[in-house]
C-alpha atoms as a PDB file:
ATOM      1  CA  MET A   1     -17.225 -22.858  19.562  1.00  0.00           C
ATOM      2  CA  ALA A   2     -18.645 -21.398  16.340  1.00  0.00           C
ATOM      3  CA  GLU A   3     -16.222 -20.533  13.581  1.00  0.00           C
ATOM      4  CA  PRO A   4     -15.792 -16.758  13.010  1.00  0.00           C
ATOM      5  CA  ALA A   5     -17.686 -15.389  10.030  1.00  0.00           C
ATOM      6  CA  ILE A   6     -15.684 -14.996   6.826  1.00  0.00           C
ATOM      7  CA  LEU A   7     -15.675 -11.306   5.937  1.00  0.00           C
ATOM      8  CA  GLU A   8     -14.620  -9.641   2.718  1.00  0.00           C
ATOM      9  CA  TYR A   9     -11.477  -7.563   3.027  1.00  0.00           C
ATOM     10  CA  ASN A  10     -13.182  -4.357   1.858  1.00  0.00           C
ATOM     11  CA  VAL A  11     -15.784  -4.668   4.649  1.00  0.00           C
ATOM     12  CA  LEU A  12     -13.045  -5.115   7.253  1.00  0.00           C
ATOM     13  CA  GLU A  13     -11.248  -2.134   5.735  1.00  0.00           C
ATOM     14  CA  GLN A  14     -14.367   0.003   6.093  1.00  0.00           C
ATOM     15  CA  ALA A  15     -14.819  -1.079   9.704  1.00  0.00           C
ATOM     16  CA  ALA A  16     -11.180  -0.339  10.535  1.00  0.00           C
ATOM     17  CA  GLU A  17     -11.449   3.090   8.888  1.00  0.00           C
ATOM     18  CA  TRP A  18     -14.570   3.924  10.886  1.00  0.00           C
ATOM     19  CA  PHE A  19     -12.982   2.694  14.111  1.00  0.00           C
ATOM     20  CA  ALA A  20      -9.978   4.937  13.549  1.00  0.00           C
ATOM     21  CA  VAL A  21     -12.166   7.945  12.687  1.00  0.00           C
ATOM     22  CA  LEU A  22     -14.504   7.602  15.671  1.00  0.00           C
ATOM     23  CA  GLY A  23     -11.601   7.067  18.053  1.00  0.00           C
ATOM     24  CA  ALA A  24     -10.089  10.438  17.168  1.00  0.00           C
ATOM     25  CA  PRO A  25     -10.714  13.257  19.669  1.00  0.00           C
ATOM     26  CA  ASN A  26     -12.170  15.505  16.945  1.00  0.00           C
ATOM     27  CA  ALA A  27     -14.754  13.027  15.580  1.00  0.00           C
ATOM     28  CA  SER A  28     -17.836  15.018  14.547  1.00  0.00           C
ATOM     29  CA  ILE A  29     -21.538  14.350  15.007  1.00  0.00           C
ATOM     30  CA  ALA A  30     -21.896  14.028  11.212  1.00  0.00           C
ATOM     31  CA  GLU A  31     -19.214  11.317  11.186  1.00  0.00           C
ATOM     32  CA  ARG A  32     -20.936   9.400  13.990  1.00  0.00           C
ATOM     33  CA  GLU A  33     -24.267   9.581  12.159  1.00  0.00           C
ATOM     34  CA  ALA A  34     -22.633   8.382   8.919  1.00  0.00           C
ATOM     35  CA  TRP A  35     -21.018   5.505  10.833  1.00  0.00           C
ATOM     36  CA  GLN A  36     -24.396   4.494  12.266  1.00  0.00           C
ATOM     37  CA  ARG A  37     -25.912   4.414   8.767  1.00  0.00           C
ATOM     38  CA  TRP A  38     -23.030   2.239   7.584  1.00  0.00           C
ATOM     39  CA  LEU A  39     -23.358  -0.061  10.601  1.00  0.00           C
ATOM     40  CA  ASP A  40     -27.098  -0.574  10.029  1.00  0.00           C
ATOM     41  CA  ALA A  41     -26.737  -1.162   6.281  1.00  0.00           C
ATOM     42  CA  ALA A  42     -25.753  -4.860   6.443  1.00  0.00           C
ATOM     43  CA  PRO A  43     -25.178  -7.688   8.953  1.00  0.00           C
ATOM     44  CA  ALA A  44     -21.602  -8.023   7.598  1.00  0.00           C
ATOM     45  CA  HIS A  45     -20.932  -4.454   8.709  1.00  0.00           C
ATOM     46  CA  ARG A  46     -21.979  -5.246  12.267  1.00  0.00           C
ATOM     47  CA  GLU A  47     -19.834  -8.394  12.307  1.00  0.00           C
ATOM     48  CA  ALA A  48     -16.827  -6.478  10.959  1.00  0.00           C
ATOM     49  CA  TRP A  49     -17.318  -3.807  13.611  1.00  0.00           C
ATOM     50  CA  ARG A  50     -17.455  -6.475  16.330  1.00  0.00           C
ATOM     51  CA  ARG A  51     -14.264  -7.997  14.927  1.00  0.00           C
ATOM     52  CA  VAL A  52     -12.227  -4.789  14.980  1.00  0.00           C
ATOM     53  CA  GLU A  53     -13.431  -3.937  18.499  1.00  0.00           C
ATOM     54  CA  GLU A  54     -12.289  -7.374  19.610  1.00  0.00           C
ATOM     55  CA  ILE A  55      -8.898  -6.993  17.955  1.00  0.00           C
ATOM     56  CA  ASN A  56      -8.425  -3.544  19.484  1.00  0.00           C
ATOM     57  CA  ALA A  57      -9.047  -4.968  22.955  1.00  0.00           C
ATOM     58  CA  GLN A  58      -6.543  -7.761  22.304  1.00  0.00           C
ATOM     59  CA  LEU A  59      -3.872  -5.333  21.115  1.00  0.00           C
ATOM     60  CA  HIS A  60      -4.214  -3.224  24.241  1.00  0.00           C
ATOM     61  CA  GLY A  61      -4.197  -6.315  26.414  1.00  0.00           C
ATOM     62  CA  LEU A  62      -0.803  -7.558  25.202  1.00  0.00           C
ATOM     63  CA  PRO A  63       1.893  -6.338  27.640  1.00  0.00           C
ATOM     64  CA  GLY A  64       4.801  -4.597  25.985  1.00  0.00           C
ATOM     65  CA  VAL A  65       3.676  -5.116  22.401  1.00  0.00           C
ATOM     66  CA  PRO A  66       5.083  -2.302  20.193  1.00  0.00           C
ATOM     67  CA  ALA A  67       1.696  -1.899  18.540  1.00  0.00           C
ATOM     68  CA  ARG A  68       0.411  -0.189  21.671  1.00  0.00           C
ATOM     69  CA  ALA A  69       2.832   2.667  21.152  1.00  0.00           C
ATOM     70  CA  ALA A  70       1.625   3.160  17.598  1.00  0.00           C
ATOM     71  CA  LEU A  71      -2.019   3.078  18.700  1.00  0.00           C
ATOM     72  CA  ALA A  72      -1.343   5.810  21.242  1.00  0.00           C
ATOM     73  CA  ALA A  73       0.738   8.089  18.977  1.00  0.00           C
ATOM     74  CA  ALA A  74      -1.628  10.964  18.222  1.00  0.00           C
ATOM     75  CA  PRO A  75       0.015  12.360  15.033  1.00  0.00           C
ATOM     76  CA  ARG A  76      -0.282   9.009  13.230  1.00  0.00           C
ATOM     77  CA  ARG A  77      -3.067   7.432  15.272  1.00  0.00           C
ATOM     78  CA  ARG A  78      -5.699   7.069  12.560  1.00  0.00           C
ATOM     79  CA  ARG A  79      -3.288   5.499  10.104  1.00  0.00           C
ATOM     80  CA  ALA A  80      -1.751   3.208  12.745  1.00  0.00           C
ATOM     81  CA  VAL A  81      -5.112   2.088  14.141  1.00  0.00           C
ATOM     82  CA  LYS A  82      -6.484   1.214  10.719  1.00  0.00           C
ATOM     83  CA  ALA A  83      -3.362  -0.631   9.582  1.00  0.00           C
ATOM     84  CA  LEU A  84      -2.908  -2.654  12.762  1.00  0.00           C
ATOM     85  CA  LEU A  85      -6.561  -3.626  12.940  1.00  0.00           C
ATOM     86  CA  LEU A  86      -6.462  -4.836   9.342  1.00  0.00           C
ATOM     87  CA  LEU A  87      -3.266  -6.793   9.982  1.00  0.00           C
ATOM     88  CA  CYS A  88      -4.951  -8.621  12.844  1.00  0.00           C
ATOM     89  CA  ALA A  89      -8.485  -8.919  11.473  1.00  0.00           C
ATOM     90  CA  GLY A  90      -8.071 -12.492  10.236  1.00  0.00           C
ATOM     91  CA  GLY A  91      -9.634 -13.745  13.464  1.00  0.00           C
ATOM     92  CA  GLY A  92      -8.862 -13.544  17.167  1.00  0.00           C
ATOM     93  CA  MET A  93      -5.531 -14.098  18.883  1.00  0.00           C
ATOM     94  CA  ALA A  94      -4.463 -16.669  16.298  1.00  0.00           C
ATOM     95  CA  GLY A  95      -4.817 -14.012  13.604  1.00  0.00           C
ATOM     96  CA  LEU A  96      -2.759 -11.638  15.712  1.00  0.00           C
ATOM     97  CA  ALA A  97       0.014 -14.177  16.195  1.00  0.00           C
ATOM     98  CA  LEU A  98       0.169 -14.909  12.468  1.00  0.00           C
ATOM     99  CA  ARG A  99       0.476 -11.215  11.675  1.00  0.00           C
ATOM    100  CA  ARG A 100       3.161 -10.148  14.166  1.00  0.00           C
ATOM    101  CA  GLU A 101       5.719 -10.070  11.343  1.00  0.00           C
ATOM    102  CA  GLN A 102       3.492  -7.728   9.307  1.00  0.00           C
ATOM    103  CA  ALA A 103       2.923  -5.514  12.348  1.00  0.00           C
ATOM    104  CA  GLY A 104       6.710  -5.396  12.751  1.00  0.00           C
ATOM    105  CA  GLU A 105       7.015  -4.261   9.128  1.00  0.00           C
ATOM    106  CA  TYR A 106       4.556  -1.471   9.766  1.00  0.00           C
ATOM    107  CA  LEU A 107       6.346  -0.227  12.865  1.00  0.00           C
ATOM    108  CA  ALA A 108       9.731  -0.440  11.113  1.00  0.00           C
ATOM    109  CA  ALA A 109       8.313   1.763   8.350  1.00  0.00           C
ATOM    110  CA  LEU A 110       7.239   4.359  10.913  1.00  0.00           C
ATOM    111  CA  ASN A 111      10.867   4.617  12.063  1.00  0.00           C
ATOM    112  CA  ALA A 112      12.540   4.497   8.626  1.00  0.00           C
ATOM    113  CA  GLN A 113      15.050   7.150   7.575  1.00  0.00           C
ATOM    114  CA  HIS A 114      13.048   8.192   4.516  1.00  0.00           C
ATOM    115  CA  ARG A 115       9.252   8.267   4.235  1.00  0.00           C
ATOM    116  CA  SER A 116       6.631   9.635   1.877  1.00  0.00           C
ATOM    117  CA  GLY A 117       3.136  10.555   2.967  1.00  0.00           C
ATOM    118  CA  ILE A 118      -0.135   9.457   1.398  1.00  0.00           C
ATOM    119  CA  GLY A 119      -0.339  11.169  -1.988  1.00  0.00           C
ATOM    120  CA  GLU A 120       3.321  12.215  -1.916  1.00  0.00           C
ATOM    121  CA  ILE A 121       5.936  11.075  -4.428  1.00  0.00           C
ATOM    122  CA  ALA A 122       9.371  11.832  -3.032  1.00  0.00           C
ATOM    123  CA  ALA A 123      12.888  11.703  -4.451  1.00  0.00           C
ATOM    124  CA  LEU A 124      15.131   9.489  -2.338  1.00  0.00           C
ATOM    125  CA  PRO A 125      18.500  11.187  -1.726  1.00  0.00           C
ATOM    126  CA  LEU A 126      21.381   8.809  -2.476  1.00  0.00           C
ATOM    127  CA  PRO A 127      25.150   9.470  -2.201  1.00  0.00           C
ATOM    128  CA  ASP A 128      25.922   8.399  -5.780  1.00  0.00           C
ATOM    129  CA  ARG A 129      24.463   8.947  -9.246  1.00  0.00           C
ATOM    130  CA  THR A 130      21.555   6.574  -8.713  1.00  0.00           C
ATOM    131  CA  LEU A 131      18.118   8.207  -8.992  1.00  0.00           C
ATOM    132  CA  ALA A 132      15.320   6.864  -6.823  1.00  0.00           C
ATOM    133  CA  TRP A 133      11.751   7.790  -6.007  1.00  0.00           C
ATOM    134  CA  LEU A 134       9.437   6.646  -3.232  1.00  0.00           C
ATOM    135  CA  ASN A 135       5.825   6.201  -4.214  1.00  0.00           C
ATOM    136  CA  THR A 136       2.893   7.202  -2.005  1.00  0.00           C
ATOM    137  CA  ASP A 137       2.939   5.987   1.608  1.00  0.00           C
ATOM    138  CA  SER A 138       6.385   4.391   1.317  1.00  0.00           C
ATOM    139  CA  ALA A 139       9.440   4.081   3.531  1.00  0.00           C
ATOM    140  CA  ALA A 140      13.065   3.022   3.111  1.00  0.00           C
ATOM    141  CA  ASP A 141      16.431   2.957   4.857  1.00  0.00           C
ATOM    142  CA  VAL A 142      19.722   3.625   3.047  1.00  0.00           C
ATOM    143  CA  ALA A 143      23.041   2.067   4.075  1.00  0.00           C
ATOM    144  CA  TYR A 144      26.014   2.644   1.776  1.00  0.00           C
ATOM    145  CA  GLY A 145      29.194   0.904   2.935  1.00  0.00           C
ATOM    146  CA  GLU A 146      32.559  -0.191   1.624  1.00  0.00           C
ATOM    147  CA  ASP A 147      31.257  -3.362  -0.009  1.00  0.00           C
ATOM    148  CA  GLN A 148      27.745  -2.511  -1.244  1.00  0.00           C
ATOM    149  CA  ARG A 149      25.117   0.155  -1.833  1.00  0.00           C
ATOM    150  CA  ARG A 150      22.128  -1.076   0.142  1.00  0.00           C
ATOM    151  CA  ILE A 151      18.542   0.165   0.235  1.00  0.00           C
ATOM    152  CA  VAL A 152      15.996  -1.534   2.491  1.00  0.00           C
ATOM    153  CA  LEU A 153      12.393  -1.045   1.404  1.00  0.00           C
ATOM    154  CA  ARG A 154      10.229  -0.993   4.506  1.00  0.00           C
ATOM    155  CA  ARG A 155       6.880  -0.105   2.994  1.00  0.00           C
ATOM    156  CA  GLY A 156       5.262   0.773  -0.314  1.00  0.00           C
ATOM    157  CA  GLU A 157       7.148   1.104  -3.590  1.00  0.00           C
ATOM    158  CA  ILE A 158      10.437   2.401  -4.959  1.00  0.00           C
ATOM    159  CA  LEU A 159      11.620   3.124  -8.515  1.00  0.00           C
ATOM    160  CA  LEU A 160      15.361   3.180  -9.228  1.00  0.00           C
ATOM    161  CA  HIS A 161      17.540   4.269 -12.138  1.00  0.00           C
ATOM    162  CA  SER A 162      20.936   2.945 -11.143  1.00  0.00           C
ATOM    163  CA  GLY A 163      23.951   5.184 -11.668  1.00  0.00           C
ATOM    164  CA  HIS A 164      27.684   4.694 -11.917  1.00  0.00           C
ATOM    165  CA  ASP A 165      29.436   4.035  -8.630  1.00  0.00           C
ATOM    166  CA  GLY A 166      32.591   6.129  -8.321  1.00  0.00           C
ATOM    167  CA  HIS A 167      33.839   3.975  -5.465  1.00  0.00           C
ATOM    168  CA  LEU A 168      36.750   1.603  -6.154  1.00  0.00           C
ATOM    169  CA  PRO A 169      36.123  -1.238  -6.363  1.00  0.00           C
ATOM    170  CA  ALA A 170      32.591  -0.628  -7.654  1.00  0.00           C
ATOM    171  CA  ARG A 171      29.925  -1.744  -5.191  1.00  0.00           C
ATOM    172  CA  PRO A 172      26.755  -3.627  -6.172  1.00  0.00           C
ATOM    173  CA  LEU A 173      23.437  -1.809  -5.791  1.00  0.00           C
ATOM    174  CA  VAL A 174      21.109  -3.945  -3.697  1.00  0.00           C
ATOM    175  CA  VAL A 175      17.491  -3.530  -2.629  1.00  0.00           C
ATOM    176  CA  GLU A 176      16.458  -5.681   0.310  1.00  0.00           C
ATOM    177  CA  VAL A 177      12.778  -6.347   0.901  1.00  0.00           C
ATOM    178  CA  ARG A 178      11.230  -8.907   3.229  1.00  0.00           C
ATOM    179  CA  GLY A 179      14.496 -10.785   3.516  1.00  0.00           C
ATOM    180  CA  VAL A 180      15.053 -11.040  -0.243  1.00  0.00           C
ATOM    181  CA  ARG A 181      18.134  -9.483  -1.854  1.00  0.00           C
ATOM    182  CA  LEU A 182      17.598  -7.864  -5.270  1.00  0.00           C
ATOM    183  CA  ARG A 183      20.853  -6.951  -7.035  1.00  0.00           C
ATOM    184  CA  ALA A 184      20.749  -4.487  -9.930  1.00  0.00           C
ATOM    185  CA  LEU A 185      22.440  -5.732 -13.104  1.00  0.00           C
ATOM    186  CA  GLY A 186      21.157  -2.889 -15.228  1.00  0.00           C
ATOM    187  CA  LYS A 187      19.458   0.418 -15.188  1.00  0.00           C
ATOM    188  CA  ARG A 188      15.801   0.805 -14.262  1.00  0.00           C
ATOM    189  CA  PHE A 189      13.453  -1.224 -12.074  1.00  0.00           C
ATOM    190  CA  ALA A 190      10.694  -0.912  -9.473  1.00  0.00           C
ATOM    191  CA  VAL A 191      10.003  -2.852  -6.285  1.00  0.00           C
ATOM    192  CA  ARG A 192       6.565  -2.841  -4.679  1.00  0.00           C
ATOM    193  CA  MET A 193       5.416  -4.472  -1.456  1.00  0.00           C
ATOM    194  CA  THR A 194       1.934  -5.987  -1.786  1.00  0.00           C
ATOM    195  CA  GLU A 195      -0.400  -7.787   0.592  1.00  0.00           C
ATOM    196  CA  GLN A 196       0.685 -11.129  -0.886  1.00  0.00           C
ATOM    197  CA  GLY A 197       4.430 -10.503  -1.223  1.00  0.00           C
ATOM    198  CA  THR A 198       6.728  -8.350  -3.362  1.00  0.00           C
ATOM    199  CA  ARG A 199       6.517  -7.391  -7.034  1.00  0.00           C
ATOM    200  CA  LEU A 200       9.682  -6.668  -9.011  1.00  0.00           C
ATOM    201  CA  ALA A 201       9.272  -4.982 -12.414  1.00  0.00           C
ATOM    202  CA  VAL A 202      12.350  -4.507 -14.631  1.00  0.00           C
ATOM    203  CA  TYR A 203      12.192  -1.851 -17.368  1.00  0.00           C
ATOM    204  CA  GLN A 204      15.860  -1.661 -18.426  1.00  0.00           C
ATOM    205  CA  GLY A 205      18.750  -4.039 -17.756  1.00  0.00           C
ATOM    206  CA  ALA A 206      18.150  -6.933 -15.356  1.00  0.00           C
ATOM    207  CA  VAL A 207      17.852  -7.722 -11.653  1.00  0.00           C
ATOM    208  CA  GLU A 208      19.150 -10.775  -9.808  1.00  0.00           C
ATOM    209  CA  VAL A 209      16.718 -12.221  -7.248  1.00  0.00           C
ATOM    210  CA  GLY A 210      18.193 -13.834  -4.165  1.00  0.00           C
ATOM    211  CA  GLY A 211      21.397 -14.822  -5.950  1.00  0.00           C
ATOM    212  CA  GLN A 212      19.491 -17.513  -7.860  1.00  0.00           C
ATOM    213  CA  SER A 213      17.448 -16.188 -10.781  1.00  0.00           C
ATOM    214  CA  VAL A 214      17.624 -13.161 -13.076  1.00  0.00           C
ATOM    215  CA  VAL A 215      14.653 -11.090 -14.218  1.00  0.00           C
ATOM    216  CA  PRO A 216      15.345  -9.463 -17.619  1.00  0.00           C
ATOM    217  CA  ALA A 217      14.104  -6.151 -18.992  1.00  0.00           C
ATOM    218  CA  GLY A 218      10.422  -6.110 -19.899  1.00  0.00           C
ATOM    219  CA  SER A 219       9.513  -8.689 -17.256  1.00  0.00           C
ATOM    220  CA  GLN A 220       8.109  -8.698 -13.766  1.00  0.00           C
ATOM    221  CA  VAL A 221       7.800 -11.316 -11.067  1.00  0.00           C
ATOM    222  CA  ASP A 222       5.883 -11.745  -7.822  1.00  0.00           C
ATOM    223  CA  ILE A 223       8.025 -12.958  -4.927  1.00  0.00           C
ATOM    224  CA  ILE A 224       6.024 -14.775  -2.255  1.00  0.00           C
ATOM    225  CA  ASP A 225       7.600 -16.265   0.867  1.00  0.00           C
ATOM    226  CA  GLY A 226      11.007 -15.509  -0.620  1.00  0.00           C
ATOM    227  CA  ARG A 227      10.410 -17.482  -3.819  1.00  0.00           C
ATOM    228  CA  PRO A 228       9.948 -15.839  -7.232  1.00  0.00           C
ATOM    229  CA  GLY A 229       7.059 -17.047  -9.368  1.00  0.00           C
ATOM    230  CA  ALA A 230       6.615 -17.076 -13.130  1.00  0.00           C
ATOM    231  CA  LEU A 231       7.715 -14.123 -15.253  1.00  0.00           C
ATOM    232  CA  THR A 232       5.012 -11.909 -16.752  1.00  0.00           C
ATOM    233  CA  PRO A 233       5.313  -8.789 -18.952  1.00  0.00           C
ATOM    234  CA  ALA A 234       6.248  -5.511 -17.256  1.00  0.00           C
ATOM    235  CA  HIS A 235       4.605  -2.429 -18.729  1.00  0.00           C
ATOM    236  CA  GLU A 236       6.205   1.025 -18.594  1.00  0.00           C
ATOM    237  CA  ASP A 237       2.803   2.521 -17.807  1.00  0.00           C
ATOM    238  CA  SER A 238       3.008   1.036 -14.327  1.00  0.00           C
ATOM    239  CA  SER A 239       5.942   3.359 -13.522  1.00  0.00           C
ATOM    240  CA  ALA A 240       4.085   6.511 -14.596  1.00  0.00           C
ATOM    241  CA  TRP A 241       3.435   7.297 -10.921  1.00  0.00           C
ATOM    242  CA  SER A 242       6.943   8.813 -10.835  1.00  0.00           C
ATOM    243  CA  ARG A 243       5.492  11.466 -13.182  1.00  0.00           C
ATOM    244  CA  LYS A 244       2.392  11.735 -10.968  1.00  0.00           C
ATOM    245  CA  LEU A 245       0.189   9.940 -13.477  1.00  0.00           C
ATOM    246  CA  LEU A 246      -2.000   6.862 -13.327  1.00  0.00           C
ATOM    247  CA  ILE A 247      -2.253   5.446 -16.854  1.00  0.00           C
ATOM    248  CA  ALA A 248      -5.176   3.117 -17.499  1.00  0.00           C
ATOM    249  CA  THR A 249      -5.151   0.813 -20.521  1.00  0.00           C
ATOM    250  CA  GLN A 250      -8.348  -1.206 -20.478  1.00  0.00           C
ATOM    251  CA  MET A 251      -8.077  -1.224 -16.678  1.00  0.00           C
ATOM    252  CA  ARG A 252     -10.973  -2.572 -14.623  1.00  0.00           C
ATOM    253  CA  LEU A 253     -12.703   0.196 -12.701  1.00  0.00           C
ATOM    254  CA  GLU A 254     -12.328  -1.679  -9.424  1.00  0.00           C
ATOM    255  CA  ASN A 255      -8.566  -1.970  -9.967  1.00  0.00           C
ATOM    256  CA  PHE A 256      -8.318   1.668 -11.022  1.00  0.00           C
ATOM    257  CA  LEU A 257     -10.037   2.846  -7.834  1.00  0.00           C
ATOM    258  CA  ALA A 258      -7.847   0.606  -5.696  1.00  0.00           C
ATOM    259  CA  GLU A 259      -4.767   2.271  -7.216  1.00  0.00           C
ATOM    260  CA  LEU A 260      -6.219   5.772  -6.894  1.00  0.00           C
ATOM    261  CA  ALA A 261      -7.105   5.103  -3.249  1.00  0.00           C
ATOM    262  CA  ARG A 262      -3.407   4.719  -2.431  1.00  0.00           C
ATOM    263  CA  TYR A 263      -2.947   8.433  -3.136  1.00  0.00           C
ATOM    264  CA  ARG A 264      -5.688   9.881  -0.923  1.00  0.00           C
ATOM    265  CA  HIS A 265      -6.909   9.598   2.643  1.00  0.00           C
ATOM    266  CA  GLY A 266     -10.092   7.711   3.338  1.00  0.00           C
ATOM    267  CA  HIS A 267     -12.164   5.149   1.500  1.00  0.00           C
ATOM    268  CA  VAL A 268     -12.778   4.747  -2.248  1.00  0.00           C
ATOM    269  CA  SER A 269     -14.864   1.956  -3.780  1.00  0.00           C
ATOM    270  CA  CYS A 270     -17.424   1.259  -6.482  1.00  0.00           C
ATOM    271  CA  ASP A 271     -20.773  -0.444  -6.758  1.00  0.00           C
ATOM    272  CA  PRO A 272     -20.088  -4.143  -7.512  1.00  0.00           C
ATOM    273  CA  SER A 273     -22.090  -3.868 -10.734  1.00  0.00           C
ATOM    274  CA  LEU A 274     -19.455  -1.445 -12.081  1.00  0.00           C
ATOM    275  CA  ALA A 275     -16.326  -3.383 -11.103  1.00  0.00           C
ATOM    276  CA  ASP A 276     -15.608  -4.750 -14.603  1.00  0.00           C
ATOM    277  CA  LEU A 277     -16.097  -1.518 -16.554  1.00  0.00           C
ATOM    278  CA  ARG A 278     -12.932  -0.781 -18.551  1.00  0.00           C
ATOM    279  CA  LEU A 279     -11.061   2.493 -18.441  1.00  0.00           C
ATOM    280  CA  VAL A 280      -8.544   4.150 -20.763  1.00  0.00           C
ATOM    281  CA  GLY A 281      -6.630   7.381 -20.203  1.00  0.00           C
ATOM    282  CA  SER A 282      -4.142   9.296 -18.047  1.00  0.00           C
ATOM    283  CA  TYR A 283      -5.258  10.546 -14.647  1.00  0.00           C
ATOM    284  CA  PRO A 284      -3.456  12.941 -12.256  1.00  0.00           C
ATOM    285  CA  LEU A 285      -2.228  11.449  -9.002  1.00  0.00           C
ATOM    286  CA  ASN A 286      -1.461  14.847  -7.484  1.00  0.00           C
ATOM    287  CA  ASP A 287      -5.182  15.761  -7.696  1.00  0.00           C
ATOM    288  CA  THR A 288      -7.310  12.692  -7.073  1.00  0.00           C
ATOM    289  CA  ASP A 289     -10.507  14.767  -6.922  1.00  0.00           C
ATOM    290  CA  GLN A 290      -9.839  15.844 -10.497  1.00  0.00           C
ATOM    291  CA  ALA A 291      -9.188  12.214 -11.434  1.00  0.00           C
ATOM    292  CA  LEU A 292     -12.593  11.284 -10.021  1.00  0.00           C
ATOM    293  CA  GLN A 293     -14.238  14.079 -12.012  1.00  0.00           C
ATOM    294  CA  MET A 294     -12.555  12.812 -15.171  1.00  0.00           C
ATOM    295  CA  LEU A 295     -13.882   9.355 -14.357  1.00  0.00           C
ATOM    296  CA  GLN A 296     -17.446  10.666 -14.533  1.00  0.00           C
ATOM    297  CA  ALA A 297     -16.743  12.028 -18.016  1.00  0.00           C
ATOM    298  CA  ALA A 298     -15.208   8.764 -19.225  1.00  0.00           C
ATOM    299  CA  LEU A 299     -17.792   6.281 -17.921  1.00  0.00           C
ATOM    300  CA  PRO A 300     -21.543   6.210 -17.154  1.00  0.00           C
ATOM    301  CA  VAL A 301     -20.910   6.662 -13.433  1.00  0.00           C
ATOM    302  CA  ARG A 302     -21.339   9.253 -10.722  1.00  0.00           C
ATOM    303  CA  VAL A 303     -19.101   9.919  -7.730  1.00  0.00           C
ATOM    304  CA  GLU A 304     -20.945  10.038  -4.424  1.00  0.00           C
ATOM    305  CA  ARG A 305     -19.311  11.468  -1.290  1.00  0.00           C
ATOM    306  CA  THR A 306     -20.841  10.398   2.014  1.00  0.00           C
ATOM    307  CA  LEU A 307     -18.138  12.510   3.628  1.00  0.00           C
ATOM    308  CA  SER A 308     -15.176  14.256   2.037  1.00  0.00           C
ATOM    309  CA  TRP A 309     -13.025  11.156   2.615  1.00  0.00           C
ATOM    310  CA  TRP A 310     -15.654   8.474   1.904  1.00  0.00           C
ATOM    311  CA  VAL A 311     -16.183   8.078  -1.861  1.00  0.00           C
ATOM    312  CA  THR A 312     -18.360   5.574  -3.693  1.00  0.00           C
ATOM    313  CA  VAL A 313     -18.675   5.319  -7.474  1.00  0.00           C
ATOM    314  CA  LYS A 314     -22.215   4.382  -8.493  1.00  0.00           C
ATOM    315  CA  PRO A 315     -24.163   3.975 -11.742  1.00  0.00           C
ATOM    316  CA  ARG A 316     -25.233   7.261 -13.277  1.00  0.00           C
END
């Protein structure tokens, strides 16, 4: 049997987005025509489309799998379809088996106590003086008990400014994410779930990771498979999302667009020839269309919209 073609993640993402759009009951003729143009543009597009169709059939063919409920839930169908297809797009049933844990994470996030929508930055209500914010498309559960203050991050990113606990004896503030326990030893830190693992950034104080190592202020660490890696500098600019700003300091355009895409529905990308252009400035996250307009003023680029939700940045 031939090995499945290796596809770039962004091509799979495009195919999953199109699959979710065309599967909606209100898909328009213009959307179907745009999909056909995308499909005919490259052999990789046709292979990616074949892959997501195959994965969709496998998901529906698994008896009792919770993913089927998410695929059928109309209010969140497009988001669920795209996410589950991407989770399983590594190749056939083996890819699906390897990604069951990730699919479980996604479904747990759908049922979390506290959620923020795409583009929304929400304050997380806590029963003490701790301040917390959920970034775009994030979810968390809160469980305060007699022995600890516990927050479970289910999806996305959270920023915390720990407050005094009036309970006696004082309880530790703990963030749990992907089975790792992060205990606050100081004031201000952020936790973000990524495709590869979890990123902890400490801005004030310190955070204990898994009862073994301590990350001091001004440092961040990527935690993969439960194990923290090497410390790297943490920059305050990365927490500016809590003020609804994306601050770019010599940021690659490709990375900038990937961050901006988290705050809007649909697809955002750039021509590969522009990926390494560098960007400086502050851009509004509560108006991503304005941010894209500002981008055209800052760099020799133009923003092209195939549809309102499909944006490509190209050379001017």
